[in-house]
Amino acid sequence: MPESFLEVNPRERWPDLVRYMKALSLRAEKGLLNQAKDRAKIEEIRVFDDRLRDLRKGLSSSTSAEKRESINEWAWMIEEYRVSLFTQEMKTAYPVSRKRLAARLKEIEEMI
């Protein structure tokens, strides 16, 4: 983890980080048992990871605070989706799906 890990992740997100670490551990165990299935799930989420990277690269000093915050919240949605894909036995913090992620992305892209 980067040295700035706790600085970049707001305190209210710390409980989620613990859950994500547990999900990662479960995912690793499952991945060893069925690597093909794990790779398919990686591909399913890759489109969102790639788009998030592009959105973050496109941020500038003129990007509104609202859009920045929306992108950050969308990044957390992606993490919740990752939990739902790889560790279905764990509950997500809120309902999330591919369709919800795509709809929120569209809203972000339409922001000025």
N, C-alpha and C. Protein backbone atom coordinates (compact mmCIF):
# COMPACT_ATOMS: atom_id res chain seq x y z
N MET A 1 0.84 -1.18 0.00
CA MET A 1 0.00 0.00 0.00
C MET A 1 0.88 1.24 0.00
N PRO A 2 0.41 2.28 -0.65
CA PRO A 2 1.20 3.51 -0.66
C PRO A 2 1.22 4.14 0.74
N GLU A 3 2.27 4.92 1.03
CA GLU A 3 2.38 5.60 2.32
C GLU A 3 1.17 6.49 2.61
N SER A 4 0.61 7.06 1.57
CA SER A 4 -0.51 7.99 1.73
C SER A 4 -1.86 7.29 1.81
N PHE A 5 -1.86 5.97 1.96
CA PHE A 5 -3.09 5.19 1.93
C PHE A 5 -4.18 5.76 2.84
N LEU A 6 -3.84 6.01 4.09
CA LEU A 6 -4.84 6.51 5.03
C LEU A 6 -5.23 7.95 4.73
N GLU A 7 -4.34 8.71 4.13
CA GLU A 7 -4.66 10.09 3.77
C GLU A 7 -5.61 10.16 2.59
N VAL A 8 -5.43 9.26 1.63
CA VAL A 8 -6.26 9.29 0.42
C VAL A 8 -7.62 8.62 0.61
N ASN A 9 -7.72 7.80 1.60
CA ASN A 9 -8.98 7.12 1.87
C ASN A 9 -9.62 7.73 3.11
N PRO A 10 -10.72 8.44 2.91
CA PRO A 10 -11.36 9.14 4.02
C PRO A 10 -11.72 8.19 5.18
N ARG A 11 -11.66 8.73 6.37
CA ARG A 11 -11.91 7.94 7.58
C ARG A 11 -13.24 7.17 7.52
N GLU A 12 -14.27 7.79 6.96
CA GLU A 12 -15.57 7.10 6.89
C GLU A 12 -15.53 5.88 5.97
N ARG A 13 -14.50 5.75 5.16
CA ARG A 13 -14.36 4.59 4.27
C ARG A 13 -13.53 3.47 4.89
N TRP A 14 -12.87 3.73 6.00
CA TRP A 14 -12.00 2.72 6.59
C TRP A 14 -12.71 1.40 6.88
N PRO A 15 -13.94 1.41 7.42
CA PRO A 15 -14.61 0.11 7.62
C PRO A 15 -14.80 -0.66 6.30
N ASP A 16 -15.05 0.06 5.22
CA ASP A 16 -15.18 -0.59 3.92
C ASP A 16 -13.87 -1.23 3.50
N LEU A 17 -12.76 -0.59 3.82
CA LEU A 17 -11.45 -1.11 3.43
C LEU A 17 -11.20 -2.47 4.09
N VAL A 18 -11.64 -2.61 5.33
CA VAL A 18 -11.50 -3.90 6.01
C VAL A 18 -12.32 -4.96 5.27
N ARG A 19 -13.52 -4.60 4.89
CA ARG A 19 -14.38 -5.53 4.14
C ARG A 19 -13.76 -5.88 2.79
N TYR A 20 -13.17 -4.90 2.13
CA TYR A 20 -12.53 -5.16 0.84
C TYR A 20 -11.33 -6.10 0.99
N MET A 21 -10.60 -5.96 2.07
CA MET A 21 -9.46 -6.86 2.31
C MET A 21 -9.96 -8.30 2.53
N LYS A 22 -11.05 -8.43 3.26
CA LYS A 22 -11.63 -9.76 3.47
C LYS A 22 -12.09 -10.34 2.14
N ALA A 23 -12.75 -9.51 1.33
CA ALA A 23 -13.21 -9.96 0.02
C ALA A 23 -12.03 -10.37 -0.86
N LEU A 24 -10.95 -9.62 -0.79
CA LEU A 24 -9.76 -9.95 -1.58
C LEU A 24 -9.19 -11.31 -1.17
N SER A 25 -9.17 -11.56 0.13
CA SER A 25 -8.68 -12.84 0.62
C SER A 25 -9.56 -14.00 0.12
N LEU A 26 -10.87 -13.83 0.21
CA LEU A 26 -11.79 -14.86 -0.28
C LEU A 26 -11.63 -15.05 -1.78
N ARG A 27 -11.47 -13.94 -2.49
CA ARG A 27 -11.30 -14.03 -3.94
C ARG A 27 -10.04 -14.82 -4.28
N ALA A 28 -8.97 -14.57 -3.57
CA ALA A 28 -7.71 -15.28 -3.84
C ALA A 28 -7.90 -16.78 -3.66
N GLU A 29 -8.60 -17.16 -2.60
CA GLU A 29 -8.86 -18.58 -2.37
C GLU A 29 -9.67 -19.18 -3.52
N LYS A 30 -10.72 -18.49 -3.92
CA LYS A 30 -11.57 -18.99 -5.01
C LYS A 30 -10.82 -19.00 -6.33
N GLY A 31 -10.00 -17.99 -6.56
CA GLY A 31 -9.26 -17.89 -7.81
C GLY A 31 -8.33 -19.06 -8.02
N LEU A 32 -7.77 -19.55 -6.93
CA LEU A 32 -6.89 -20.72 -7.03
C LEU A 32 -7.65 -21.95 -7.49
N LEU A 33 -8.91 -22.02 -7.10
CA LEU A 33 -9.73 -23.18 -7.45
C LEU A 33 -10.27 -23.13 -8.87
N ASN A 34 -10.51 -21.91 -9.37
CA ASN A 34 -11.10 -21.78 -10.70
C ASN A 34 -10.58 -20.50 -11.37
N GLN A 35 -9.40 -20.60 -11.94
CA GLN A 35 -8.77 -19.43 -12.54
C GLN A 35 -9.51 -18.91 -13.76
N ALA A 36 -10.11 -19.78 -14.52
CA ALA A 36 -10.84 -19.35 -15.72
C ALA A 36 -12.04 -18.47 -15.32
N LYS A 37 -12.74 -18.89 -14.30
CA LYS A 37 -13.89 -18.12 -13.82
C LYS A 37 -13.44 -16.76 -13.29
N ASP A 38 -12.32 -16.75 -12.57
CA ASP A 38 -11.78 -15.50 -12.03
C ASP A 38 -11.40 -14.55 -13.17
N ARG A 39 -10.76 -15.08 -14.20
CA ARG A 39 -10.37 -14.25 -15.35
C ARG A 39 -11.59 -13.66 -16.06
N ALA A 40 -12.66 -14.44 -16.16
CA ALA A 40 -13.88 -13.94 -16.80
C ALA A 40 -14.47 -12.77 -16.00
N LYS A 41 -14.42 -12.87 -14.69
CA LYS A 41 -14.92 -11.79 -13.85
C LYS A 41 -14.03 -10.55 -13.97
N ILE A 42 -12.75 -10.76 -14.08
CA ILE A 42 -11.81 -9.64 -14.28
C ILE A 42 -12.18 -8.90 -15.56
N GLU A 43 -12.44 -9.64 -16.61
CA GLU A 43 -12.82 -9.01 -17.88
C GLU A 43 -14.13 -8.25 -17.76
N GLU A 44 -15.05 -8.78 -16.97
CA GLU A 44 -16.34 -8.11 -16.80
C GLU A 44 -16.19 -6.75 -16.13
N ILE A 45 -15.27 -6.65 -15.21
CA ILE A 45 -15.11 -5.39 -14.48
C ILE A 45 -14.07 -4.47 -15.13
N ARG A 46 -13.26 -5.01 -16.01
CA ARG A 46 -12.17 -4.24 -16.62
C ARG A 46 -12.67 -2.98 -17.34
N VAL A 47 -13.79 -3.07 -18.01
CA VAL A 47 -14.31 -1.91 -18.74
C VAL A 47 -14.53 -0.73 -17.79
N PHE A 48 -15.01 -1.02 -16.58
CA PHE A 48 -15.23 0.05 -15.62
C PHE A 48 -13.92 0.57 -15.05
N ASP A 49 -12.99 -0.33 -14.77
CA ASP A 49 -11.67 0.10 -14.29
C ASP A 49 -10.97 0.98 -15.32
N ASP A 50 -11.04 0.57 -16.59
CA ASP A 50 -10.41 1.35 -17.66
C ASP A 50 -11.05 2.72 -17.80
N ARG A 51 -12.35 2.77 -17.73
CA ARG A 51 -13.05 4.06 -17.86
C ARG A 51 -12.76 4.96 -16.67
N LEU A 52 -12.66 4.39 -15.48
CA LEU A 52 -12.32 5.18 -14.30
C LEU A 52 -10.93 5.79 -14.46
N ARG A 53 -9.99 5.00 -14.93
CA ARG A 53 -8.63 5.51 -15.17
C ARG A 53 -8.66 6.68 -16.16
N ASP A 54 -9.43 6.54 -17.23
CA ASP A 54 -9.54 7.60 -18.23
C ASP A 54 -10.18 8.86 -17.64
N LEU A 55 -11.21 8.68 -16.85
CA LEU A 55 -11.87 9.84 -16.22
C LEU A 55 -10.90 10.57 -15.30
N ARG A 56 -10.15 9.83 -14.54
CA ARG A 56 -9.19 10.46 -13.61
C ARG A 56 -8.08 11.17 -14.37
N LYS A 57 -7.64 10.59 -15.48
CA LYS A 57 -6.61 11.25 -16.30
C LYS A 57 -7.13 12.56 -16.88
N GLY A 58 -8.43 12.61 -17.16
CA GLY A 58 -9.03 13.78 -17.77
C GLY A 58 -9.36 14.90 -16.80
N LEU A 59 -9.13 14.68 -15.51
CA LEU A 59 -9.41 15.74 -14.54
C LEU A 59 -8.45 16.90 -14.73
N SER A 60 -8.97 18.09 -14.60
CA SER A 60 -8.13 19.28 -14.70
C SER A 60 -8.55 20.26 -13.62
N SER A 61 -7.87 21.37 -13.56
CA SER A 61 -8.21 22.37 -12.54
C SER A 61 -9.59 22.97 -12.79
N SER A 62 -10.09 22.84 -14.01
CA SER A 62 -11.41 23.39 -14.31
C SER A 62 -12.55 22.38 -14.07
N THR A 63 -12.19 21.14 -13.69
CA THR A 63 -13.21 20.14 -13.41
C THR A 63 -13.95 20.53 -12.14
N SER A 64 -15.27 20.53 -12.19
CA SER A 64 -16.06 20.94 -11.03
C SER A 64 -15.86 19.98 -9.86
N ALA A 65 -16.03 20.51 -8.66
CA ALA A 65 -15.94 19.70 -7.44
C ALA A 65 -17.01 18.60 -7.47
N GLU A 66 -18.17 18.93 -8.02
CA GLU A 66 -19.27 17.96 -8.10
C GLU A 66 -18.86 16.77 -8.97
N LYS A 67 -18.23 17.05 -10.10
CA LYS A 67 -17.82 15.97 -10.99
C LYS A 67 -16.70 15.14 -10.34
N ARG A 68 -15.76 15.80 -9.69
CA ARG A 68 -14.69 15.08 -9.00
C ARG A 68 -15.26 14.13 -7.95
N GLU A 69 -16.20 14.64 -7.16
CA GLU A 69 -16.82 13.83 -6.12
C GLU A 69 -17.63 12.68 -6.74
N SER A 70 -18.30 12.94 -7.83
CA SER A 70 -19.06 11.89 -8.51
C SER A 70 -18.14 10.78 -9.01
N ILE A 71 -16.99 11.16 -9.54
CA ILE A 71 -16.02 10.16 -10.01
C ILE A 71 -15.51 9.34 -8.84
N ASN A 72 -15.22 10.00 -7.72
CA ASN A 72 -14.75 9.27 -6.53
C ASN A 72 -15.81 8.30 -6.02
N GLU A 73 -17.05 8.75 -5.98
CA GLU A 73 -18.12 7.87 -5.53
C GLU A 73 -18.31 6.70 -6.49
N TRP A 74 -18.15 6.97 -7.78
CA TRP A 74 -18.27 5.90 -8.77
C TRP A 74 -17.15 4.87 -8.58
N ALA A 75 -15.97 5.35 -8.21
CA ALA A 75 -14.86 4.44 -7.93
C ALA A 75 -15.22 3.50 -6.78
N TRP A 76 -15.87 4.03 -5.75
CA TRP A 76 -16.30 3.18 -4.64
C TRP A 76 -17.39 2.20 -5.09
N MET A 77 -18.25 2.64 -6.00
CA MET A 77 -19.26 1.73 -6.55
C MET A 77 -18.59 0.55 -7.26
N ILE A 78 -17.52 0.84 -7.97
CA ILE A 78 -16.79 -0.22 -8.67
C ILE A 78 -16.24 -1.22 -7.66
N GLU A 79 -15.74 -0.73 -6.54
CA GLU A 79 -15.23 -1.64 -5.51
C GLU A 79 -16.35 -2.52 -4.96
N GLU A 80 -17.52 -1.93 -4.75
CA GLU A 80 -18.65 -2.73 -4.28
C GLU A 80 -19.06 -3.77 -5.32
N TYR A 81 -19.00 -3.38 -6.59
CA TYR A 81 -19.32 -4.32 -7.66
C TYR A 81 -18.31 -5.47 -7.66
N ARG A 82 -17.06 -5.13 -7.39
CA ARG A 82 -16.02 -6.15 -7.33
C ARG A 82 -16.35 -7.17 -6.22
N VAL A 83 -16.81 -6.67 -5.08
CA VAL A 83 -17.22 -7.55 -3.99
C VAL A 83 -18.36 -8.46 -4.45
N SER A 84 -19.35 -7.86 -5.13
CA SER A 84 -20.51 -8.66 -5.56
C SER A 84 -20.13 -9.72 -6.60
N LEU A 85 -19.15 -9.42 -7.44
CA LEU A 85 -18.73 -10.37 -8.47
C LEU A 85 -17.90 -11.52 -7.91
N PHE A 86 -16.91 -11.17 -7.10
CA PHE A 86 -15.94 -12.16 -6.68
C PHE A 86 -16.28 -12.87 -5.38
N THR A 87 -17.10 -12.24 -4.54
CA THR A 87 -17.42 -12.84 -3.25
C THR A 87 -18.90 -12.64 -2.96
N GLN A 88 -19.71 -13.34 -3.70
CA GLN A 88 -21.16 -13.19 -3.59
C GLN A 88 -21.66 -13.45 -2.17
N GLU A 89 -20.95 -14.26 -1.40
CA GLU A 89 -21.39 -14.55 -0.04
C GLU A 89 -21.26 -13.34 0.89
N MET A 90 -20.48 -12.35 0.48
CA MET A 90 -20.38 -11.12 1.27
C MET A 90 -21.43 -10.13 0.78
N LYS A 91 -21.93 -9.37 1.67
CA LYS A 91 -22.93 -8.36 1.31
C LYS A 91 -22.23 -7.10 0.85
N THR A 92 -22.83 -6.42 -0.10
CA THR A 92 -22.33 -5.11 -0.50
C THR A 92 -22.95 -4.05 0.39
N ALA A 93 -22.33 -2.89 0.45
CA ALA A 93 -22.82 -1.80 1.30
C ALA A 93 -24.16 -1.27 0.80
N TYR A 94 -24.39 -1.41 -0.49
CA TYR A 94 -25.63 -0.96 -1.12
C TYR A 94 -25.78 -1.73 -2.42
N PRO A 95 -27.00 -1.73 -2.99
CA PRO A 95 -27.19 -2.47 -4.24
C PRO A 95 -26.33 -1.89 -5.37
N VAL A 96 -25.65 -2.77 -6.07
CA VAL A 96 -24.80 -2.36 -7.18
C VAL A 96 -24.86 -3.45 -8.25
N SER A 97 -24.81 -3.01 -9.49
CA SER A 97 -24.85 -3.94 -10.61
C SER A 97 -24.16 -3.29 -11.80
N ARG A 98 -23.94 -4.08 -12.81
CA ARG A 98 -23.35 -3.57 -14.06
C ARG A 98 -24.23 -2.45 -14.62
N LYS A 99 -25.53 -2.66 -14.59
CA LYS A 99 -26.48 -1.67 -15.11
C LYS A 99 -26.41 -0.36 -14.31
N ARG A 100 -26.34 -0.45 -13.00
CA ARG A 100 -26.24 0.75 -12.15
C ARG A 100 -24.93 1.50 -12.40
N LEU A 101 -23.85 0.74 -12.56
CA LEU A 101 -22.56 1.37 -12.85
C LEU A 101 -22.60 2.11 -14.18
N ALA A 102 -23.17 1.47 -15.18
CA ALA A 102 -23.25 2.10 -16.51
C ALA A 102 -24.12 3.35 -16.47
N ALA A 103 -25.23 3.29 -15.73
CA ALA A 103 -26.11 4.45 -15.64
C ALA A 103 -25.42 5.61 -14.94
N ARG A 104 -24.71 5.30 -13.86
CA ARG A 104 -24.00 6.37 -13.13
C ARG A 104 -22.88 6.95 -13.98
N LEU A 105 -22.19 6.11 -14.73
CA LEU A 105 -21.15 6.59 -15.63
C LEU A 105 -21.72 7.56 -16.64
N LYS A 106 -22.87 7.23 -17.20
CA LYS A 106 -23.51 8.11 -18.18
C LYS A 106 -23.81 9.47 -17.56
N GLU A 107 -24.30 9.48 -16.32
CA GLU A 107 -24.58 10.74 -15.63
C GLU A 107 -23.30 11.56 -15.45
N ILE A 108 -22.23 10.90 -15.07
CA ILE A 108 -20.93 11.58 -14.87
C ILE A 108 -20.44 12.17 -16.18
N GLU A 109 -20.53 11.40 -17.24
CA GLU A 109 -20.04 11.86 -18.54
C GLU A 109 -20.86 13.05 -19.06
N GLU A 110 -22.11 13.17 -18.63
CA GLU A 110 -22.95 14.27 -19.07
C GLU A 110 -22.75 15.53 -18.23
N MET A 111 -22.02 15.42 -17.14
CA MET A 111 -21.77 16.59 -16.29
C MET A 111 -20.86 17.58 -17.02
N ILE A 112 -21.08 18.83 -16.74
CA ILE A 112 -20.24 19.88 -17.35
C ILE A 112 -19.03 20.11 -16.50
